[in-house]
Amino acid sequence: PAIVEKALAQGKRVFLDLKFLDIEETVRRATARVASMGVDFLTVHANRKALTAAVEGRGAKREDGLKLLAVTVLTNFDANDLRDMGLQWSVSDLVAARANLAHEVGCDGVIASGEEPVAIRQKVGGSFLIITPGIRPAGKGADDHARVTTPTQAIKAGADYLVVGRPIRDAADPQAAAEEIVVEMQSAFNTRGG
């Protein structure tokens, strides 16, 4: 937790992408610890027992408190991966069902690809947060993601926040790459009206 404490001490917002999935007591205790640190966002896999335990561990919702985000379906999964796991769902149907579950148990939002925000909004409404990974600027490769979108596509579909890793981390000039993505995001939000 030292790096988290250091970031928080510098006034940074912290998103812990730990993807908790364990027995309830472990998730409950770990979430309580994260909440006590002042972290902004925490990810938990979209399993009813894990999500319920995380909500209990966080305690009462507060505007300035920890936001719990359910991981719906990882962006490197496609329909074949779901079949390999014995699931007979389409990716979009499973994402929507897991978003609905997360909403029911008291999470603040979900992690979902830029292909799914419309279906999620139809299922749970507009105030539920959607954080979208698998973001690639136009012309960039998908790497190991099966479901990628550009910043503009994700925002216009309804994403509230974007998770951008490799396009910035692996760029020759990471700062310039980040600035270009931010400009694209601002333009998309202005066009969307948000």
N, C-alpha and C. Protein backbone atom coordinates (compact mmCIF):
# COMPACT_ATOMS: atom_id res chain seq x y z
N PRO A 1 0.79 -1.22 0.00
CA PRO A 1 0.00 0.00 0.00
C PRO A 1 0.83 1.28 0.00
N ALA A 2 2.16 1.18 0.09
CA ALA A 2 2.99 2.39 0.16
C ALA A 2 2.82 3.28 -1.06
N ILE A 3 2.77 2.69 -2.25
CA ILE A 3 2.62 3.49 -3.47
C ILE A 3 1.26 4.18 -3.49
N VAL A 4 0.23 3.49 -2.99
CA VAL A 4 -1.11 4.08 -2.92
C VAL A 4 -1.10 5.25 -1.95
N GLU A 5 -0.52 5.05 -0.78
CA GLU A 5 -0.46 6.11 0.22
C GLU A 5 0.31 7.32 -0.31
N LYS A 6 1.39 7.06 -1.05
CA LYS A 6 2.18 8.16 -1.61
C LYS A 6 1.36 8.95 -2.63
N ALA A 7 0.65 8.24 -3.51
CA ALA A 7 -0.18 8.91 -4.51
C ALA A 7 -1.27 9.73 -3.84
N LEU A 8 -1.92 9.16 -2.85
CA LEU A 8 -2.98 9.88 -2.14
C LEU A 8 -2.44 11.10 -1.42
N ALA A 9 -1.25 10.97 -0.83
CA ALA A 9 -0.63 12.10 -0.12
C ALA A 9 -0.32 13.25 -1.07
N GLN A 10 -0.11 12.93 -2.35
CA GLN A 10 0.16 13.95 -3.36
C GLN A 10 -1.13 14.49 -3.98
N GLY A 11 -2.27 14.07 -3.44
CA GLY A 11 -3.55 14.56 -3.94
C GLY A 11 -4.04 13.88 -5.21
N LYS A 12 -3.45 12.75 -5.55
CA LYS A 12 -3.86 12.02 -6.75
C LYS A 12 -5.09 11.17 -6.47
N ARG A 13 -5.90 10.96 -7.49
CA ARG A 13 -7.01 10.01 -7.40
C ARG A 13 -6.44 8.63 -7.71
N VAL A 14 -6.93 7.62 -7.01
CA VAL A 14 -6.37 6.28 -7.17
C VAL A 14 -7.45 5.29 -7.62
N PHE A 15 -7.12 4.57 -8.67
CA PHE A 15 -7.96 3.51 -9.23
C PHE A 15 -7.19 2.21 -9.01
N LEU A 16 -7.69 1.37 -8.11
CA LEU A 16 -7.04 0.08 -7.85
C LEU A 16 -7.75 -0.99 -8.66
N ASP A 17 -7.07 -1.46 -9.69
CA ASP A 17 -7.63 -2.48 -10.57
C ASP A 17 -7.18 -3.86 -10.09
N LEU A 18 -7.67 -4.25 -8.92
CA LEU A 18 -7.24 -5.50 -8.30
C LEU A 18 -8.12 -6.69 -8.68
N LYS A 19 -9.28 -6.43 -9.24
CA LYS A 19 -10.19 -7.48 -9.71
C LYS A 19 -10.41 -8.56 -8.64
N PHE A 20 -10.83 -8.14 -7.47
CA PHE A 20 -11.06 -9.10 -6.38
C PHE A 20 -12.03 -10.20 -6.81
N LEU A 21 -11.69 -11.44 -6.47
CA LEU A 21 -12.59 -12.59 -6.60
C LEU A 21 -12.07 -13.64 -5.64
N ASP A 22 -12.75 -13.79 -4.52
CA ASP A 22 -12.32 -14.71 -3.48
C ASP A 22 -13.53 -15.02 -2.61
N ILE A 23 -13.31 -15.75 -1.52
CA ILE A 23 -14.42 -16.01 -0.61
C ILE A 23 -14.85 -14.70 0.03
N GLU A 24 -16.10 -14.68 0.49
CA GLU A 24 -16.70 -13.42 0.94
C GLU A 24 -15.91 -12.71 2.02
N GLU A 25 -15.47 -13.42 3.04
CA GLU A 25 -14.76 -12.77 4.14
C GLU A 25 -13.49 -12.09 3.66
N THR A 26 -12.77 -12.73 2.75
CA THR A 26 -11.55 -12.14 2.21
C THR A 26 -11.86 -10.87 1.42
N VAL A 27 -12.88 -10.93 0.57
CA VAL A 27 -13.25 -9.75 -0.22
C VAL A 27 -13.75 -8.63 0.69
N ARG A 28 -14.57 -8.98 1.67
CA ARG A 28 -15.12 -7.98 2.60
C ARG A 28 -13.98 -7.25 3.33
N ARG A 29 -13.05 -8.01 3.90
CA ARG A 29 -11.94 -7.40 4.66
C ARG A 29 -11.02 -6.58 3.76
N ALA A 30 -10.70 -7.12 2.60
CA ALA A 30 -9.81 -6.40 1.69
C ALA A 30 -10.45 -5.10 1.21
N THR A 31 -11.73 -5.14 0.92
CA THR A 31 -12.43 -3.93 0.48
C THR A 31 -12.49 -2.91 1.60
N ALA A 32 -12.74 -3.35 2.82
CA ALA A 32 -12.76 -2.43 3.96
C ALA A 32 -11.41 -1.74 4.10
N ARG A 33 -10.34 -2.48 3.91
CA ARG A 33 -8.99 -1.90 4.01
C ARG A 33 -8.78 -0.85 2.91
N VAL A 34 -9.16 -1.20 1.69
CA VAL A 34 -9.02 -0.26 0.58
C VAL A 34 -9.85 1.00 0.84
N ALA A 35 -11.08 0.82 1.30
CA ALA A 35 -11.96 1.97 1.58
C ALA A 35 -11.36 2.87 2.65
N SER A 36 -10.71 2.29 3.64
CA SER A 36 -10.13 3.09 4.73
C SER A 36 -8.94 3.92 4.27
N MET A 37 -8.35 3.56 3.14
CA MET A 37 -7.19 4.27 2.63
C MET A 37 -7.55 5.55 1.89
N GLY A 38 -8.80 5.66 1.44
CA GLY A 38 -9.19 6.84 0.67
C GLY A 38 -9.08 6.66 -0.83
N VAL A 39 -9.01 5.41 -1.28
CA VAL A 39 -8.94 5.10 -2.71
C VAL A 39 -10.26 5.49 -3.38
N ASP A 40 -10.19 5.90 -4.64
CA ASP A 40 -11.39 6.34 -5.37
C ASP A 40 -12.17 5.20 -6.01
N PHE A 41 -11.46 4.27 -6.66
CA PHE A 41 -12.11 3.20 -7.40
C PHE A 41 -11.45 1.86 -7.10
N LEU A 42 -12.26 0.80 -7.03
CA LEU A 42 -11.77 -0.56 -6.82
C LEU A 42 -12.56 -1.50 -7.72
N THR A 43 -11.86 -2.43 -8.38
CA THR A 43 -12.54 -3.41 -9.23
C THR A 43 -12.71 -4.74 -8.50
N VAL A 44 -13.87 -5.36 -8.77
CA VAL A 44 -14.23 -6.66 -8.21
C VAL A 44 -14.89 -7.44 -9.35
N HIS A 45 -14.55 -8.72 -9.50
CA HIS A 45 -15.20 -9.50 -10.55
C HIS A 45 -16.69 -9.61 -10.28
N ALA A 46 -17.47 -9.62 -11.35
CA ALA A 46 -18.94 -9.60 -11.26
C ALA A 46 -19.49 -10.98 -10.91
N ASN A 47 -19.32 -11.33 -9.66
CA ASN A 47 -19.84 -12.55 -9.06
C ASN A 47 -20.67 -12.08 -7.87
N ARG A 48 -21.91 -12.59 -7.74
CA ARG A 48 -22.81 -12.06 -6.71
C ARG A 48 -22.18 -12.07 -5.32
N LYS A 49 -21.56 -13.17 -4.91
CA LYS A 49 -21.01 -13.25 -3.56
C LYS A 49 -19.86 -12.26 -3.37
N ALA A 50 -18.98 -12.17 -4.36
CA ALA A 50 -17.85 -11.25 -4.24
C ALA A 50 -18.34 -9.80 -4.23
N LEU A 51 -19.28 -9.46 -5.10
CA LEU A 51 -19.78 -8.09 -5.15
C LEU A 51 -20.51 -7.70 -3.87
N THR A 52 -21.33 -8.61 -3.37
CA THR A 52 -22.06 -8.33 -2.12
C THR A 52 -21.09 -8.12 -0.97
N ALA A 53 -20.06 -8.96 -0.90
CA ALA A 53 -19.06 -8.82 0.16
C ALA A 53 -18.31 -7.49 0.03
N ALA A 54 -18.00 -7.09 -1.20
CA ALA A 54 -17.30 -5.82 -1.41
C ALA A 54 -18.18 -4.64 -0.97
N VAL A 55 -19.45 -4.69 -1.31
CA VAL A 55 -20.38 -3.63 -0.90
C VAL A 55 -20.44 -3.57 0.62
N GLU A 56 -20.51 -4.72 1.28
CA GLU A 56 -20.53 -4.76 2.75
C GLU A 56 -19.22 -4.21 3.32
N GLY A 57 -18.10 -4.58 2.72
CA GLY A 57 -16.80 -4.12 3.20
C GLY A 57 -16.61 -2.63 3.05
N ARG A 58 -17.14 -2.09 1.98
CA ARG A 58 -17.03 -0.64 1.76
C ARG A 58 -17.86 0.13 2.76
N GLY A 59 -19.02 -0.40 3.12
CA GLY A 59 -19.93 0.32 4.00
C GLY A 59 -20.82 1.25 3.20
N ALA A 60 -21.44 2.19 3.88
CA ALA A 60 -22.41 3.09 3.25
C ALA A 60 -21.77 3.89 2.13
N LYS A 61 -22.53 4.06 1.04
CA LYS A 61 -22.06 4.88 -0.08
C LYS A 61 -21.92 6.33 0.36
N ARG A 62 -20.84 6.94 -0.08
CA ARG A 62 -20.63 8.38 0.14
C ARG A 62 -20.18 8.98 -1.17
N GLU A 63 -20.58 10.20 -1.42
CA GLU A 63 -20.20 10.86 -2.67
C GLU A 63 -18.68 10.88 -2.84
N ASP A 64 -17.95 11.09 -1.75
CA ASP A 64 -16.49 11.17 -1.82
C ASP A 64 -15.82 9.86 -1.44
N GLY A 65 -16.57 8.77 -1.32
CA GLY A 65 -16.00 7.50 -0.88
C GLY A 65 -15.63 6.58 -2.02
N LEU A 66 -15.21 5.40 -1.66
CA LEU A 66 -14.79 4.37 -2.60
C LEU A 66 -15.93 4.00 -3.54
N LYS A 67 -15.62 3.97 -4.84
CA LYS A 67 -16.57 3.53 -5.86
C LYS A 67 -16.21 2.10 -6.25
N LEU A 68 -17.18 1.21 -6.13
CA LEU A 68 -16.97 -0.19 -6.49
C LEU A 68 -17.39 -0.43 -7.93
N LEU A 69 -16.49 -1.05 -8.69
CA LEU A 69 -16.71 -1.30 -10.11
C LEU A 69 -16.65 -2.79 -10.38
N ALA A 70 -17.70 -3.33 -10.97
CA ALA A 70 -17.75 -4.75 -11.29
C ALA A 70 -17.12 -4.99 -12.66
N VAL A 71 -16.19 -5.94 -12.71
CA VAL A 71 -15.58 -6.34 -13.97
C VAL A 71 -16.57 -7.29 -14.65
N THR A 72 -17.10 -6.89 -15.79
CA THR A 72 -18.13 -7.69 -16.45
C THR A 72 -17.50 -8.85 -17.22
N VAL A 73 -16.88 -8.57 -18.35
CA VAL A 73 -16.18 -9.57 -19.16
C VAL A 73 -14.89 -8.91 -19.63
N LEU A 74 -13.76 -9.53 -19.35
CA LEU A 74 -12.47 -8.96 -19.76
C LEU A 74 -12.46 -8.69 -21.26
N THR A 75 -11.79 -7.62 -21.67
CA THR A 75 -11.81 -7.23 -23.08
C THR A 75 -11.01 -8.15 -23.98
N ASN A 76 -10.25 -9.08 -23.42
CA ASN A 76 -9.56 -10.04 -24.27
C ASN A 76 -10.42 -11.28 -24.53
N PHE A 77 -11.62 -11.34 -23.95
CA PHE A 77 -12.53 -12.47 -24.16
C PHE A 77 -13.47 -12.18 -25.33
N ASP A 78 -13.75 -13.24 -26.09
CA ASP A 78 -14.78 -13.17 -27.13
C ASP A 78 -15.74 -14.34 -26.92
N ALA A 79 -16.67 -14.54 -27.84
CA ALA A 79 -17.68 -15.59 -27.69
C ALA A 79 -17.04 -16.97 -27.57
N ASN A 80 -15.95 -17.22 -28.28
CA ASN A 80 -15.27 -18.52 -28.18
C ASN A 80 -14.74 -18.76 -26.77
N ASP A 81 -14.19 -17.73 -26.16
CA ASP A 81 -13.69 -17.87 -24.79
C ASP A 81 -14.82 -18.20 -23.83
N LEU A 82 -15.96 -17.55 -24.01
CA LEU A 82 -17.11 -17.84 -23.14
C LEU A 82 -17.55 -19.29 -23.32
N ARG A 83 -17.61 -19.77 -24.58
CA ARG A 83 -17.98 -21.17 -24.82
C ARG A 83 -16.98 -22.12 -24.17
N ASP A 84 -15.68 -21.79 -24.24
CA ASP A 84 -14.65 -22.62 -23.61
C ASP A 84 -14.86 -22.74 -22.11
N MET A 85 -15.48 -21.73 -21.50
CA MET A 85 -15.77 -21.74 -20.07
C MET A 85 -17.13 -22.36 -19.76
N GLY A 86 -17.80 -22.87 -20.80
CA GLY A 86 -19.10 -23.50 -20.61
C GLY A 86 -20.26 -22.53 -20.56
N LEU A 87 -20.03 -21.30 -20.99
CA LEU A 87 -21.08 -20.28 -20.97
C LEU A 87 -21.72 -20.17 -22.35
N GLN A 88 -23.01 -20.20 -22.40
CA GLN A 88 -23.73 -20.13 -23.68
C GLN A 88 -24.35 -18.75 -23.89
N TRP A 89 -23.67 -17.74 -23.45
CA TRP A 89 -24.13 -16.35 -23.58
C TRP A 89 -23.37 -15.68 -24.72
N SER A 90 -23.95 -14.66 -25.30
CA SER A 90 -23.17 -13.76 -26.14
C SER A 90 -22.42 -12.84 -25.18
N VAL A 91 -21.33 -12.26 -25.64
CA VAL A 91 -20.58 -11.35 -24.78
C VAL A 91 -21.47 -10.20 -24.32
N SER A 92 -22.21 -9.60 -25.24
CA SER A 92 -23.03 -8.44 -24.87
C SER A 92 -24.12 -8.80 -23.88
N ASP A 93 -24.73 -9.98 -24.02
CA ASP A 93 -25.76 -10.40 -23.06
C ASP A 93 -25.17 -10.65 -21.68
N LEU A 94 -23.99 -11.27 -21.64
CA LEU A 94 -23.35 -11.54 -20.35
C LEU A 94 -22.94 -10.23 -19.68
N VAL A 95 -22.40 -9.30 -20.44
CA VAL A 95 -22.03 -7.99 -19.89
C VAL A 95 -23.26 -7.31 -19.31
N ALA A 96 -24.36 -7.29 -20.05
CA ALA A 96 -25.58 -6.63 -19.57
C ALA A 96 -26.11 -7.31 -18.31
N ALA A 97 -26.09 -8.64 -18.27
CA ALA A 97 -26.57 -9.36 -17.08
C ALA A 97 -25.69 -9.06 -15.88
N ARG A 98 -24.38 -9.02 -16.08
CA ARG A 98 -23.48 -8.74 -14.96
C ARG A 98 -23.58 -7.28 -14.52
N ALA A 99 -23.82 -6.38 -15.45
CA ALA A 99 -24.04 -4.98 -15.07
C ALA A 99 -25.30 -4.86 -14.23
N ASN A 100 -26.34 -5.56 -14.62
CA ASN A 100 -27.58 -5.54 -13.85
C ASN A 100 -27.36 -6.10 -12.45
N LEU A 101 -26.61 -7.19 -12.34
CA LEU A 101 -26.27 -7.77 -11.04
C LEU A 101 -25.52 -6.75 -10.18
N ALA A 102 -24.51 -6.12 -10.76
CA ALA A 102 -23.71 -5.13 -10.02
C ALA A 102 -24.60 -3.99 -9.53
N HIS A 103 -25.50 -3.55 -10.35
CA HIS A 103 -26.43 -2.48 -9.98
C HIS A 103 -27.32 -2.94 -8.83
N GLU A 104 -27.85 -4.16 -8.93
CA GLU A 104 -28.74 -4.70 -7.89
C GLU A 104 -28.09 -4.76 -6.52
N VAL A 105 -26.81 -5.16 -6.48
CA VAL A 105 -26.16 -5.36 -5.17
C VAL A 105 -25.56 -4.08 -4.61
N GLY A 106 -25.55 -2.99 -5.38
CA GLY A 106 -25.10 -1.71 -4.84
C GLY A 106 -23.75 -1.22 -5.30
N CYS A 107 -23.23 -1.77 -6.39
CA CYS A 107 -21.98 -1.24 -6.95
C CYS A 107 -22.26 0.11 -7.60
N ASP A 108 -21.20 0.84 -7.87
CA ASP A 108 -21.31 2.17 -8.46
C ASP A 108 -21.20 2.16 -9.97
N GLY A 109 -20.67 1.06 -10.51
CA GLY A 109 -20.49 1.00 -11.95
C GLY A 109 -19.83 -0.29 -12.36
N VAL A 110 -19.43 -0.32 -13.63
CA VAL A 110 -18.83 -1.52 -14.21
C VAL A 110 -17.62 -1.17 -15.06
N ILE A 111 -16.83 -2.21 -15.30
CA ILE A 111 -15.77 -2.17 -16.29
C ILE A 111 -16.32 -2.94 -17.49
N ALA A 112 -16.37 -2.29 -18.65
CA ALA A 112 -16.91 -2.94 -19.84
C ALA A 112 -16.30 -2.30 -21.08
N SER A 113 -16.18 -3.08 -22.14
CA SER A 113 -15.59 -2.56 -23.36
C SER A 113 -16.46 -1.46 -23.95
N GLY A 114 -15.92 -0.74 -24.90
CA GLY A 114 -16.64 0.34 -25.56
C GLY A 114 -17.77 -0.13 -26.46
N GLU A 115 -17.90 -1.44 -26.62
CA GLU A 115 -19.00 -1.99 -27.41
C GLU A 115 -20.27 -2.14 -26.59
N GLU A 116 -20.19 -2.04 -25.27
CA GLU A 116 -21.33 -2.39 -24.43
C GLU A 116 -22.06 -1.26 -23.70
N PRO A 117 -21.59 -0.02 -23.67
CA PRO A 117 -22.29 0.99 -22.88
C PRO A 117 -23.77 1.18 -23.22
N VAL A 118 -24.13 1.09 -24.48
CA VAL A 118 -25.54 1.31 -24.84
C VAL A 118 -26.42 0.25 -24.17
N ALA A 119 -26.01 -1.02 -24.27
CA ALA A 119 -26.80 -2.10 -23.65
C ALA A 119 -26.84 -1.95 -22.13
N ILE A 120 -25.73 -1.52 -21.54
CA ILE A 120 -25.69 -1.34 -20.08
C ILE A 120 -26.64 -0.22 -19.67
N ARG A 121 -26.61 0.89 -20.38
CA ARG A 121 -27.49 2.02 -20.05
C ARG A 121 -28.96 1.61 -20.18
N GLN A 122 -29.27 0.79 -21.19
CA GLN A 122 -30.66 0.33 -21.35
C GLN A 122 -31.07 -0.55 -20.17
N LYS A 123 -30.12 -1.30 -19.62
CA LYS A 123 -30.43 -2.23 -18.54
C LYS A 123 -30.52 -1.53 -17.18
N VAL A 124 -29.60 -0.60 -16.89
CA VAL A 124 -29.51 -0.05 -15.53
C VAL A 124 -29.67 1.47 -15.43
N GLY A 125 -29.78 2.16 -16.53
CA GLY A 125 -29.99 3.60 -16.46
C GLY A 125 -28.71 4.40 -16.62
N GLY A 126 -28.86 5.71 -16.58
CA GLY A 126 -27.78 6.61 -16.93
C GLY A 126 -26.79 6.99 -15.86
N SER A 127 -27.12 6.82 -14.58
CA SER A 127 -26.22 7.30 -13.53
C SER A 127 -25.17 6.27 -13.13
N PHE A 128 -25.25 5.07 -13.63
CA PHE A 128 -24.31 3.99 -13.33
C PHE A 128 -23.02 4.25 -14.11
N LEU A 129 -21.87 4.22 -13.43
CA LEU A 129 -20.60 4.51 -14.08
C LEU A 129 -20.19 3.37 -15.02
N ILE A 130 -19.63 3.75 -16.17
CA ILE A 130 -19.06 2.78 -17.10
C ILE A 130 -17.62 3.21 -17.37
N ILE A 131 -16.70 2.33 -17.00
CA ILE A 131 -15.28 2.57 -17.22
C ILE A 131 -14.85 1.60 -18.31
N THR A 132 -14.21 2.13 -19.34
CA THR A 132 -13.93 1.33 -20.53
C THR A 132 -12.43 1.17 -20.78
N PRO A 133 -11.96 -0.08 -20.70
CA PRO A 133 -10.59 -0.41 -21.11
C PRO A 133 -10.59 -0.83 -22.59
N GLY A 134 -9.44 -1.28 -23.07
CA GLY A 134 -9.36 -1.72 -24.46
C GLY A 134 -9.45 -0.54 -25.42
N ILE A 135 -8.93 0.59 -24.98
CA ILE A 135 -8.98 1.81 -25.80
C ILE A 135 -7.74 1.87 -26.67
N ARG A 136 -7.96 2.07 -27.96
CA ARG A 136 -6.87 2.19 -28.91
C ARG A 136 -7.16 3.36 -29.86
N PRO A 137 -6.24 4.31 -29.96
CA PRO A 137 -6.42 5.37 -30.95
C PRO A 137 -6.55 4.75 -32.35
N ALA A 138 -7.24 5.43 -33.24
CA ALA A 138 -7.43 4.93 -34.61
C ALA A 138 -6.08 4.56 -35.21
N GLY A 139 -6.04 3.42 -35.86
CA GLY A 139 -4.82 2.97 -36.52
C GLY A 139 -3.86 2.20 -35.65
N LYS A 140 -4.16 2.07 -34.37
CA LYS A 140 -3.29 1.30 -33.46
C LYS A 140 -3.81 -0.13 -33.36
N GLY A 141 -2.92 -1.06 -33.10
CA GLY A 141 -3.29 -2.47 -33.01
C GLY A 141 -4.09 -2.79 -31.76
N ALA A 142 -4.76 -3.93 -31.79
CA ALA A 142 -5.60 -4.36 -30.66
C ALA A 142 -4.79 -5.04 -29.57
N ASP A 143 -3.53 -5.40 -29.85
CA ASP A 143 -2.72 -6.18 -28.91
C ASP A 143 -3.49 -7.45 -28.55
N ASP A 144 -3.65 -7.76 -27.28
CA ASP A 144 -4.33 -9.00 -26.91
C ASP A 144 -5.81 -8.80 -26.59
N HIS A 145 -6.35 -7.63 -26.90
CA HIS A 145 -7.77 -7.37 -26.66
C HIS A 145 -8.60 -7.91 -27.83
N ALA A 146 -9.74 -8.51 -27.52
CA ALA A 146 -10.66 -8.97 -28.56
C ALA A 146 -11.67 -7.89 -28.91
N ARG A 147 -11.93 -6.99 -27.97
CA ARG A 147 -12.94 -5.95 -28.15
C ARG A 147 -12.30 -4.60 -27.84
N VAL A 148 -11.96 -3.85 -28.89
CA VAL A 148 -11.33 -2.53 -28.71
C VAL A 148 -12.18 -1.46 -29.38
N THR A 149 -12.05 -0.25 -28.87
CA THR A 149 -12.70 0.91 -29.48
C THR A 149 -11.75 2.10 -29.36
N THR A 150 -12.01 3.10 -30.18
CA THR A 150 -11.24 4.34 -30.06
C THR A 150 -11.82 5.14 -28.90
N PRO A 151 -11.09 6.13 -28.42
CA PRO A 151 -11.66 6.99 -27.38
C PRO A 151 -12.99 7.60 -27.80
N THR A 152 -13.07 8.08 -29.03
CA THR A 152 -14.31 8.70 -29.51
C THR A 152 -15.46 7.70 -29.52
N GLN A 153 -15.22 6.50 -30.04
CA GLN A 153 -16.28 5.48 -30.08
C GLN A 153 -16.79 5.16 -28.68
N ALA A 154 -15.88 4.96 -27.74
CA ALA A 154 -16.28 4.59 -26.38
C ALA A 154 -17.08 5.70 -25.71
N ILE A 155 -16.64 6.92 -25.85
CA ILE A 155 -17.33 8.04 -25.21
C ILE A 155 -18.70 8.27 -25.85
N LYS A 156 -18.75 8.23 -27.17
CA LYS A 156 -20.05 8.41 -27.84
C LYS A 156 -21.02 7.28 -27.49
N ALA A 157 -20.51 6.10 -27.20
CA ALA A 157 -21.36 4.97 -26.80
C ALA A 157 -21.88 5.13 -25.38
N GLY A 158 -21.19 5.96 -24.56
CA GLY A 158 -21.67 6.20 -23.21
C GLY A 158 -20.68 5.96 -22.09
N ALA A 159 -19.42 5.68 -22.41
CA ALA A 159 -18.41 5.48 -21.36
C ALA A 159 -18.19 6.77 -20.58
N ASP A 160 -18.00 6.64 -19.27
CA ASP A 160 -17.73 7.79 -18.41
C ASP A 160 -16.24 8.04 -18.22
N TYR A 161 -15.48 6.96 -18.13
CA TYR A 161 -14.02 7.02 -17.97
C TYR A 161 -13.40 6.02 -18.93
N LEU A 162 -12.17 6.30 -19.35
CA LEU A 162 -11.43 5.38 -20.21
C LEU A 162 -10.18 4.92 -19.49
N VAL A 163 -9.81 3.67 -19.74
CA VAL A 163 -8.56 3.12 -19.24
C VAL A 163 -7.66 2.95 -20.46
N VAL A 164 -6.56 3.69 -20.48
CA VAL A 164 -5.65 3.64 -21.61
C VAL A 164 -4.27 3.27 -21.08
N GLY A 165 -3.76 2.14 -21.52
CA GLY A 165 -2.47 1.67 -21.03
C GLY A 165 -1.39 1.73 -22.10
N ARG A 166 -1.29 0.66 -22.87
CA ARG A 166 -0.20 0.52 -23.82
C ARG A 166 -0.06 1.63 -24.86
N PRO A 167 -1.15 2.21 -25.36
CA PRO A 167 -0.96 3.29 -26.33
C PRO A 167 -0.18 4.48 -25.76
N ILE A 168 -0.20 4.63 -24.45
CA ILE A 168 0.59 5.68 -23.80
C ILE A 168 1.92 5.11 -23.34
N ARG A 169 1.86 4.01 -22.61
CA ARG A 169 3.07 3.42 -22.04
C ARG A 169 4.11 3.08 -23.11
N ASP A 170 3.67 2.54 -24.25
CA ASP A 170 4.61 2.07 -25.27
C ASP A 170 4.91 3.10 -26.35
N ALA A 171 4.36 4.29 -26.24
CA ALA A 171 4.59 5.34 -27.25
C ALA A 171 6.02 5.88 -27.14
N ALA A 172 6.55 6.32 -28.27
CA ALA A 172 7.88 6.94 -28.27
C ALA A 172 7.88 8.17 -27.37
N ASP A 173 6.78 8.90 -27.36
CA ASP A 173 6.62 10.08 -26.51
C ASP A 173 5.31 9.91 -25.72
N PRO A 174 5.37 9.26 -24.56
CA PRO A 174 4.14 8.99 -23.80
C PRO A 174 3.32 10.24 -23.47
N GLN A 175 3.98 11.34 -23.14
CA GLN A 175 3.24 12.55 -22.81
C GLN A 175 2.46 13.05 -24.02
N ALA A 176 3.09 13.07 -25.17
CA ALA A 176 2.40 13.53 -26.39
C ALA A 176 1.24 12.59 -26.73
N ALA A 177 1.45 11.28 -26.56
CA ALA A 177 0.38 10.31 -26.83
C ALA A 177 -0.80 10.55 -25.90
N ALA A 178 -0.52 10.77 -24.62
CA ALA A 178 -1.59 11.02 -23.65
C ALA A 178 -2.33 12.31 -23.99
N GLU A 179 -1.59 13.34 -24.36
CA GLU A 179 -2.23 14.62 -24.69
C GLU A 179 -3.14 14.50 -25.91
N GLU A 180 -2.71 13.73 -26.91
CA GLU A 180 -3.55 13.52 -28.10
C GLU A 180 -4.84 12.79 -27.73
N ILE A 181 -4.74 11.81 -26.86
CA ILE A 181 -5.92 11.05 -26.44
C ILE A 181 -6.86 11.95 -25.64
N VAL A 182 -6.31 12.79 -24.78
CA VAL A 182 -7.15 13.71 -24.00
C VAL A 182 -7.89 14.68 -24.92
N VAL A 183 -7.22 15.20 -25.94
CA VAL A 183 -7.87 16.10 -26.89
C VAL A 183 -9.02 15.37 -27.59
N GLU A 184 -8.78 14.13 -28.01
CA GLU A 184 -9.83 13.35 -28.66
C GLU A 184 -11.00 13.11 -27.71
N MET A 185 -10.69 12.81 -26.45
CA MET A 185 -11.74 12.58 -25.45
C MET A 185 -12.58 13.84 -25.24
N GLN A 186 -11.91 14.98 -25.09
CA GLN A 186 -12.64 16.24 -24.88
C GLN A 186 -13.57 16.54 -26.04
N SER A 187 -13.09 16.31 -27.25
CA SER A 187 -13.92 16.53 -28.43
C SER A 187 -15.13 15.60 -28.42
N ALA A 188 -14.92 14.34 -28.06
CA ALA A 188 -16.02 13.37 -28.02
C ALA A 188 -17.03 13.73 -26.94
N PHE A 189 -16.56 14.13 -25.76
CA PHE A 189 -17.48 14.54 -24.69
C PHE A 189 -18.29 15.77 -25.11
N ASN A 190 -17.64 16.72 -25.77
CA ASN A 190 -18.35 17.92 -26.24
C ASN A 190 -19.42 17.57 -27.27
N THR A 191 -19.10 16.64 -28.16
CA THR A 191 -20.05 16.21 -29.18
C THR A 191 -21.21 15.44 -28.55
N ARG A 192 -20.89 14.63 -27.53
CA ARG A 192 -21.91 13.83 -26.84
C ARG A 192 -22.81 14.70 -25.98
N GLY A 193 -22.25 15.83 -25.55
CA GLY A 193 -23.03 16.71 -24.68
C GLY A 193 -22.74 16.46 -23.22
N GLY A 194 -21.61 15.83 -22.90
CA GLY A 194 -21.28 15.56 -21.51
C GLY A 194 -19.97 16.04 -21.21
